[in-house]
Amino acid sequence: MRLMLVLIFSIAYFVSSAQNTGTKTFRTDSLIVVARNPEKGFHHDYLLFIPRKTPLDKKLFLLVEPNNTGKISDSIEVHKKYAIHLATVSSVGNNISTELKLPLLVPVFPRPESQPLIYTHALDRDVMLESLPELKRLDLQLLEMIEDARNILISMDIQVDTKIFMNGFSASASFTNRFSLIHPEKIKALAIGGFNGKLMIPQNEINGIKIDYPIGVKDFNELFGKSFDINTYRQIPQFIYMGKLDENDAIQFDDAYNENERKIINDNIGSHVQDRYLACQKIYQENNINAIFKTYENVGHWTTSDVNLEVIKFFLKQMQEN
């Protein structure tokens, strides 16, 4: 296993070993770049950010935030650059990690320009149907990264629970939402925002129309080889938010949904982001999903310090109740 331990100091990175078992907390903000390991089940690198003062020998939760480059590129270095920025500088996930002293895992998944309809960073249907090893079942690859990271952290005297915290915004919110329905048993709590107003619906149909992944769960068994476990999914505490001014709408583009999926969503859930968000809230409440919904006035497709603080408080509460 090849590891590069990078200490963050201003904008410079220095290779070093930051573990000090003689102290009770981790001594410095650090980033570990873990190389891809197909033998272990993951075909891409991942990042493991450990904030300064992370407690040693105390049970914590590993926080996971999927990477979201915001554009297509066949260069994995482009995606790695954005993932490093997310992990170490600017993201809701980095805020949570830094404030709550939790290790943060960010995968470096590609979003290939040569295959523009495969929206990897949103975990769309095309990804789930892909057979190329590098892109096949990114959800399972992420699970292997999580297990690998847990072992690395244990070796550094950082103990993490078998369940994870998960966070996402925009495309990574869609990834997180979909991942949580596929693997609800793996998640302690999650927070998502800026997701085009469209949540994956925990139903087989809507208005008599059958809805497959990622709109609904009709073909869940066919895709994932197991039944959708709605009872476990209902137990996940969720914080779900949108800005009142958010009009970012990936639904209307072919990389996010095909024409048939788009018609089902527009006709039965809503053709406008905010209307769609209200419809999804109602559906989740009718299905007794354990979700807190929040709308922020004067906020668009971005987060603010107030939004970040509320997300941090949400995860803190889950830690205190554990």
Protein backbone atom coordinates (compact mmCIF):
# COMPACT_ATOMS: atom_id res chain seq x y z
CA MET A 1 0.00 0.00 0.00
CA ARG A 2 1.50 3.33 -1.09
CA LEU A 3 0.68 6.25 1.19
CA MET A 4 1.70 9.87 0.91
CA LEU A 5 1.17 11.84 4.10
CA VAL A 6 0.87 15.54 3.32
CA LEU A 7 0.86 18.22 6.00
CA ILE A 8 -1.09 21.34 5.13
CA PHE A 9 0.74 24.59 5.75
CA SER A 10 -0.59 27.62 3.90
CA ILE A 11 -0.60 26.46 0.26
CA ALA A 12 2.42 24.19 0.55
CA TYR A 13 2.40 20.42 1.08
CA PHE A 14 5.17 18.61 2.92
CA VAL A 15 5.64 14.84 3.13
CA SER A 16 5.89 13.79 6.76
CA SER A 17 4.65 11.39 9.42
CA ALA A 18 2.21 13.22 11.68
CA GLN A 19 1.33 10.38 14.04
CA ASN A 20 2.50 10.82 17.62
CA THR A 21 1.23 8.13 19.95
CA GLY A 22 2.57 10.04 22.93
CA THR A 23 -0.23 12.60 22.64
CA LYS A 24 -3.98 12.28 23.05
CA THR A 25 -4.87 14.16 19.89
CA PHE A 26 -3.59 14.31 16.32
CA ARG A 27 -0.97 17.04 16.15
CA THR A 28 -1.52 18.71 12.77
CA ASP A 29 -3.92 19.06 9.86
CA SER A 30 -2.89 16.26 7.52
CA LEU A 31 -3.85 14.76 4.20
CA ILE A 32 -3.18 11.18 3.17
CA VAL A 33 -3.41 10.36 -0.52
CA VAL A 34 -4.13 6.64 -0.77
CA ALA A 35 -3.26 5.07 -4.10
CA ARG A 36 -5.78 3.05 -6.09
CA ASN A 37 -5.78 -0.63 -5.23
CA PRO A 38 -7.83 -2.83 -7.62
CA GLU A 39 -6.94 -5.90 -5.56
CA LYS A 40 -8.80 -4.32 -2.65
CA GLY A 41 -11.73 -3.32 -4.86
CA PHE A 42 -11.12 0.35 -5.62
CA HIS A 43 -9.70 1.55 -8.95
CA HIS A 44 -9.09 5.17 -7.97
CA ASP A 45 -7.14 7.07 -5.35
CA TYR A 46 -8.90 8.50 -2.33
CA LEU A 47 -8.06 11.27 0.13
CA LEU A 48 -8.11 11.02 3.88
CA PHE A 49 -8.03 14.37 5.67
CA ILE A 50 -7.32 14.29 9.42
CA PRO A 51 -7.82 17.62 11.19
CA ARG A 52 -5.58 18.88 13.96
CA LYS A 53 -6.73 17.80 17.44
CA THR A 54 -8.54 14.70 16.18
CA PRO A 55 -8.82 12.54 19.33
CA LEU A 56 -6.76 9.36 19.56
CA ASP A 57 -8.15 6.17 21.10
CA LYS A 58 -11.71 7.55 21.12
CA LYS A 59 -14.55 6.19 18.99
CA LEU A 60 -15.36 8.67 16.18
CA PHE A 61 -17.32 8.67 12.94
CA LEU A 62 -15.61 8.77 9.57
CA LEU A 63 -17.15 11.53 7.45
CA VAL A 64 -17.48 10.79 3.72
CA GLU A 65 -18.11 13.42 1.04
CA PRO A 66 -18.07 12.30 -2.64
CA ASN A 67 -15.98 14.45 -4.96
CA ASN A 68 -17.68 16.83 -7.39
CA THR A 69 -15.47 18.52 -9.95
CA GLY A 70 -18.35 20.40 -11.58
CA LYS A 71 -17.12 19.64 -15.09
CA ILE A 72 -16.04 16.77 -17.32
CA SER A 73 -12.40 15.93 -18.03
CA ASP A 74 -10.45 12.85 -19.07
CA SER A 75 -7.57 13.99 -16.87
CA ILE A 76 -7.75 12.36 -13.45
CA GLU A 77 -5.38 15.06 -12.21
CA VAL A 78 -8.12 17.64 -12.80
CA HIS A 79 -10.50 15.67 -10.61
CA LYS A 80 -7.81 15.06 -7.98
CA LYS A 81 -7.08 18.80 -7.78
CA TYR A 82 -10.74 19.59 -7.08
CA ALA A 83 -11.02 16.69 -4.62
CA ILE A 84 -7.97 17.94 -2.66
CA HIS A 85 -9.48 21.42 -2.51
CA LEU A 86 -12.75 19.92 -1.25
CA ALA A 87 -11.00 17.83 1.39
CA THR A 88 -8.64 20.48 2.70
CA VAL A 89 -9.82 23.99 1.89
CA SER A 90 -13.40 24.74 0.95
CA SER A 91 -16.42 22.49 1.40
CA VAL A 92 -19.16 21.79 3.88
CA GLY A 93 -17.38 18.50 4.55
CA ASN A 94 -14.10 20.21 5.44
CA ASN A 95 -16.01 22.55 7.77
CA ILE A 96 -17.65 19.60 9.52
CA SER A 97 -14.36 17.71 9.75
CA THR A 98 -12.39 20.67 11.10
CA GLU A 99 -15.00 21.78 13.65
CA LEU A 100 -15.98 18.33 14.94
CA LYS A 101 -12.48 16.81 14.68
CA LEU A 102 -13.56 13.96 12.44
CA PRO A 103 -11.48 12.31 9.69
CA LEU A 104 -12.84 13.04 6.21
CA LEU A 105 -12.70 10.67 3.22
CA VAL A 106 -13.04 12.05 -0.32
CA PRO A 107 -12.82 9.65 -3.28
CA VAL A 108 -11.09 10.76 -6.47
CA PHE A 109 -13.67 9.42 -8.91
CA PRO A 110 -13.35 10.47 -12.57
CA ARG A 111 -16.00 12.18 -14.66
CA PRO A 112 -14.78 11.38 -18.18
CA GLU A 113 -15.20 13.79 -21.06
CA SER A 114 -14.97 10.83 -23.44
CA GLN A 115 -18.15 9.42 -21.84
CA PRO A 116 -20.08 12.61 -21.03
CA LEU A 117 -23.41 10.92 -20.27
CA ILE A 118 -21.92 8.90 -17.42
CA TYR A 119 -22.48 11.26 -14.49
CA THR A 120 -20.19 9.49 -12.04
CA HIS A 121 -20.21 12.29 -9.48
CA ALA A 122 -23.99 11.99 -9.13
CA LEU A 123 -24.02 8.15 -9.19
CA ASP A 124 -26.52 8.13 -12.06
CA ARG A 125 -28.07 5.17 -13.85
CA ASP A 126 -25.38 5.04 -16.52
CA VAL A 127 -22.77 4.39 -13.83
CA MET A 128 -24.75 1.48 -12.46
CA LEU A 129 -24.99 -0.08 -15.90
CA GLU A 130 -21.30 0.44 -16.72
CA SER A 131 -19.11 -2.68 -17.02
CA LEU A 132 -15.69 -1.02 -17.37
CA PRO A 133 -13.84 -1.94 -14.14
CA GLU A 134 -12.73 1.65 -13.47
CA LEU A 135 -16.32 2.93 -13.53
CA LYS A 136 -18.29 -0.15 -12.49
CA ARG A 137 -20.27 0.11 -9.24
CA LEU A 138 -18.63 3.20 -7.77
CA ASP A 139 -20.79 2.67 -4.69
CA LEU A 140 -19.03 -0.63 -3.98
CA GLN A 141 -15.65 0.94 -4.71
CA LEU A 142 -16.44 3.63 -2.14
CA LEU A 143 -17.35 0.98 0.44
CA GLU A 144 -13.94 -0.64 -0.08
CA MET A 145 -12.25 2.76 0.31
CA ILE A 146 -14.14 3.27 3.57
CA GLU A 147 -12.99 -0.09 4.91
CA ASP A 148 -9.41 0.60 3.82
CA ALA A 149 -9.48 4.03 5.47
CA ARG A 150 -10.82 2.53 8.68
CA ASN A 151 -7.81 0.20 8.84
CA ILE A 152 -5.39 3.05 8.18
CA LEU A 153 -6.98 5.15 10.91
CA ILE A 154 -6.87 2.27 13.38
CA SER A 155 -3.14 1.92 12.69
CA MET A 156 -2.84 5.59 13.70
CA ASP A 157 -4.81 5.05 16.93
CA ILE A 158 -7.86 6.80 15.49
CA GLN A 159 -10.91 4.64 16.14
CA VAL A 160 -13.95 5.00 13.87
CA ASP A 161 -17.40 3.46 14.01
CA THR A 162 -18.49 0.85 11.47
CA LYS A 163 -21.16 3.32 10.30
CA ILE A 164 -20.29 6.60 8.60
CA PHE A 165 -21.46 10.18 8.46
CA MET A 166 -22.05 11.29 4.87
CA ASN A 167 -22.35 14.75 3.37
CA GLY A 168 -22.88 16.16 -0.11
CA PHE A 169 -23.82 19.27 -2.04
CA SER A 170 -25.08 19.54 -5.64
CA ALA A 171 -23.99 16.43 -7.60
CA SER A 172 -22.38 14.92 -4.51
CA ALA A 173 -25.71 15.41 -2.72
CA SER A 174 -27.38 13.27 -5.38
CA PHE A 175 -24.58 10.71 -4.99
CA THR A 176 -25.06 10.70 -1.21
CA ASN A 177 -28.85 10.47 -1.45
CA ARG A 178 -28.70 7.53 -3.87
CA PHE A 179 -25.88 5.79 -1.99
CA SER A 180 -27.91 5.99 1.22
CA LEU A 181 -30.84 4.15 -0.32
CA ILE A 182 -28.54 1.44 -1.71
CA HIS A 183 -26.55 0.98 1.52
CA PRO A 184 -28.67 2.34 4.39
CA GLU A 185 -27.07 -0.04 6.88
CA LYS A 186 -23.71 1.73 6.43
CA ILE A 187 -24.85 5.23 7.37
CA LYS A 188 -25.24 6.76 10.81
CA ALA A 189 -26.47 10.15 9.55
CA LEU A 190 -26.30 12.31 6.41
CA ALA A 191 -26.72 15.89 5.23
CA ILE A 192 -27.33 17.04 1.65
CA GLY A 193 -28.15 20.30 -0.14
CA GLY A 194 -28.42 21.88 -3.58
CA PHE A 195 -29.65 18.69 -5.27
CA ASN A 196 -31.91 20.17 -8.01
CA GLY A 197 -34.91 19.64 -5.72
CA LYS A 198 -35.05 15.96 -6.75
CA LEU A 199 -34.55 13.21 -4.19
CA MET A 200 -34.60 9.53 -5.02
CA ILE A 201 -38.08 8.32 -4.13
CA PRO A 202 -38.39 5.25 -1.86
CA GLN A 203 -41.28 3.90 -3.93
CA ASN A 204 -41.83 1.61 -6.92
CA GLU A 205 -44.18 4.01 -8.67
CA ILE A 206 -45.66 7.47 -8.70
CA ASN A 207 -49.12 8.28 -10.04
CA GLY A 208 -49.30 4.70 -11.31
CA ILE A 209 -46.05 5.05 -13.30
CA LYS A 210 -43.24 2.62 -12.49
CA ILE A 211 -40.06 4.43 -11.48
CA ASP A 212 -36.63 2.79 -11.76
CA TYR A 213 -33.29 3.92 -10.33
CA PRO A 214 -32.43 6.74 -9.83
CA ILE A 215 -35.97 8.14 -9.76
CA GLY A 216 -37.35 5.32 -7.62
CA VAL A 217 -36.66 1.74 -6.52
CA LYS A 218 -38.73 -0.39 -8.93
CA ASP A 219 -35.69 -2.19 -10.43
CA PHE A 220 -33.67 -2.08 -7.20
CA ASN A 221 -33.32 -5.87 -6.90
CA GLU A 222 -32.32 -6.21 -10.54
CA LEU A 223 -29.57 -3.61 -10.25
CA PHE A 224 -28.23 -4.34 -6.78
CA GLY A 225 -29.12 -7.97 -6.12
CA LYS A 226 -31.10 -7.18 -2.98
CA SER A 227 -34.40 -5.68 -1.93
CA PHE A 228 -34.69 -2.06 -0.89
CA ASP A 229 -34.55 -1.97 2.92
CA ILE A 230 -36.93 0.86 3.68
CA ASN A 231 -37.07 0.06 7.40
CA THR A 232 -33.33 0.60 7.80
CA TYR A 233 -33.48 3.64 5.55
CA ARG A 234 -36.16 5.18 7.79
CA GLN A 235 -33.76 5.01 10.73
CA ILE A 236 -31.12 7.32 9.17
CA PRO A 237 -31.27 10.88 10.56
CA GLN A 238 -31.10 13.24 7.58
CA PHE A 239 -30.66 17.00 7.22
CA ILE A 240 -31.89 18.05 3.78
CA TYR A 241 -31.74 21.67 2.66
CA MET A 242 -32.11 23.96 -0.34
CA GLY A 243 -31.61 27.66 -0.97
CA LYS A 244 -34.86 29.44 -1.84
CA LEU A 245 -33.11 31.06 -4.82
CA ASP A 246 -31.52 27.83 -6.08
CA GLU A 247 -32.53 27.33 -9.71
CA ASN A 248 -29.67 24.99 -10.66
CA ASP A 249 -31.51 22.26 -12.56
CA ALA A 250 -29.51 19.26 -13.80
CA ILE A 251 -32.77 17.42 -14.48
CA GLN A 252 -33.10 19.11 -17.84
CA PHE A 253 -29.72 17.88 -19.14
CA ASP A 254 -28.91 14.53 -20.73
CA ASP A 255 -25.91 13.76 -18.53
CA ALA A 256 -28.17 13.65 -15.48
CA TYR A 257 -31.30 11.98 -16.88
CA ASN A 258 -32.45 10.57 -20.19
CA GLU A 259 -35.50 11.89 -22.01
CA ASN A 260 -37.92 9.35 -20.53
CA GLU A 261 -36.68 9.93 -16.98
CA ARG A 262 -36.88 13.68 -17.46
CA LYS A 263 -40.51 13.46 -18.62
CA ILE A 264 -41.50 11.32 -15.63
CA ILE A 265 -39.90 13.79 -13.23
CA ASN A 266 -41.25 16.94 -14.89
CA ASP A 267 -44.78 15.56 -15.26
CA ASN A 268 -45.12 13.82 -11.89
CA ILE A 269 -42.77 15.49 -9.42
CA GLY A 270 -42.22 18.96 -10.82
CA SER A 271 -40.62 20.82 -13.70
CA HIS A 272 -39.33 23.59 -11.42
CA VAL A 273 -36.61 23.09 -8.80
CA GLN A 274 -38.51 24.55 -5.85
CA ASP A 275 -41.81 22.81 -6.71
CA ARG A 276 -39.91 19.54 -7.04
CA TYR A 277 -38.31 20.07 -3.65
CA LEU A 278 -41.69 20.56 -1.99
CA ALA A 279 -43.09 17.46 -3.72
CA CYS A 280 -40.13 15.35 -2.56
CA GLN A 281 -40.53 16.63 1.00
CA LYS A 282 -44.14 15.46 0.98
CA ILE A 283 -43.21 12.04 -0.40
CA TYR A 284 -40.50 11.55 2.24
CA GLN A 285 -42.86 12.59 5.01
CA GLU A 286 -45.55 10.22 3.74
CA ASN A 287 -42.97 7.41 3.80
CA ASN A 288 -41.94 8.29 7.39
CA ILE A 289 -38.35 9.08 6.43
CA ASN A 290 -36.40 10.54 9.38
CA ALA A 291 -35.52 13.81 7.65
CA ILE A 292 -35.33 17.44 8.70
CA PHE A 293 -36.04 19.77 5.76
CA LYS A 294 -34.79 23.34 5.73
CA THR A 295 -35.12 26.13 3.16
CA TYR A 296 -32.75 29.11 3.36
CA GLU A 297 -34.03 32.49 2.19
CA ASN A 298 -31.72 34.62 0.02
CA VAL A 299 -29.50 31.61 -0.73
CA GLY A 300 -29.01 30.13 -4.19
CA HIS A 301 -26.84 27.26 -5.35
CA TRP A 302 -24.26 27.78 -2.63
CA THR A 303 -23.87 27.51 1.11
CA THR A 304 -23.26 30.20 3.72
CA SER A 305 -21.61 30.19 7.12
CA ASP A 306 -25.08 29.89 8.68
CA VAL A 307 -25.89 26.87 6.52
CA ASN A 308 -22.56 25.23 7.34
CA LEU A 309 -23.03 25.87 11.05
CA GLU A 310 -26.46 24.27 11.04
CA VAL A 311 -25.09 21.19 9.26
CA ILE A 312 -22.27 20.99 11.82
CA LYS A 313 -24.77 21.24 14.69
CA PHE A 314 -26.83 18.46 13.10
CA PHE A 315 -23.86 16.08 13.05
CA LEU A 316 -22.78 17.15 16.53
CA LYS A 317 -26.20 16.15 17.82
CA GLN A 318 -25.82 12.72 16.23
CA MET A 319 -22.44 12.33 17.96
CA GLN A 320 -23.89 13.31 21.31
CA GLU A 321 -26.79 10.89 20.95
CA ASN A 322 -24.57 7.99 19.97
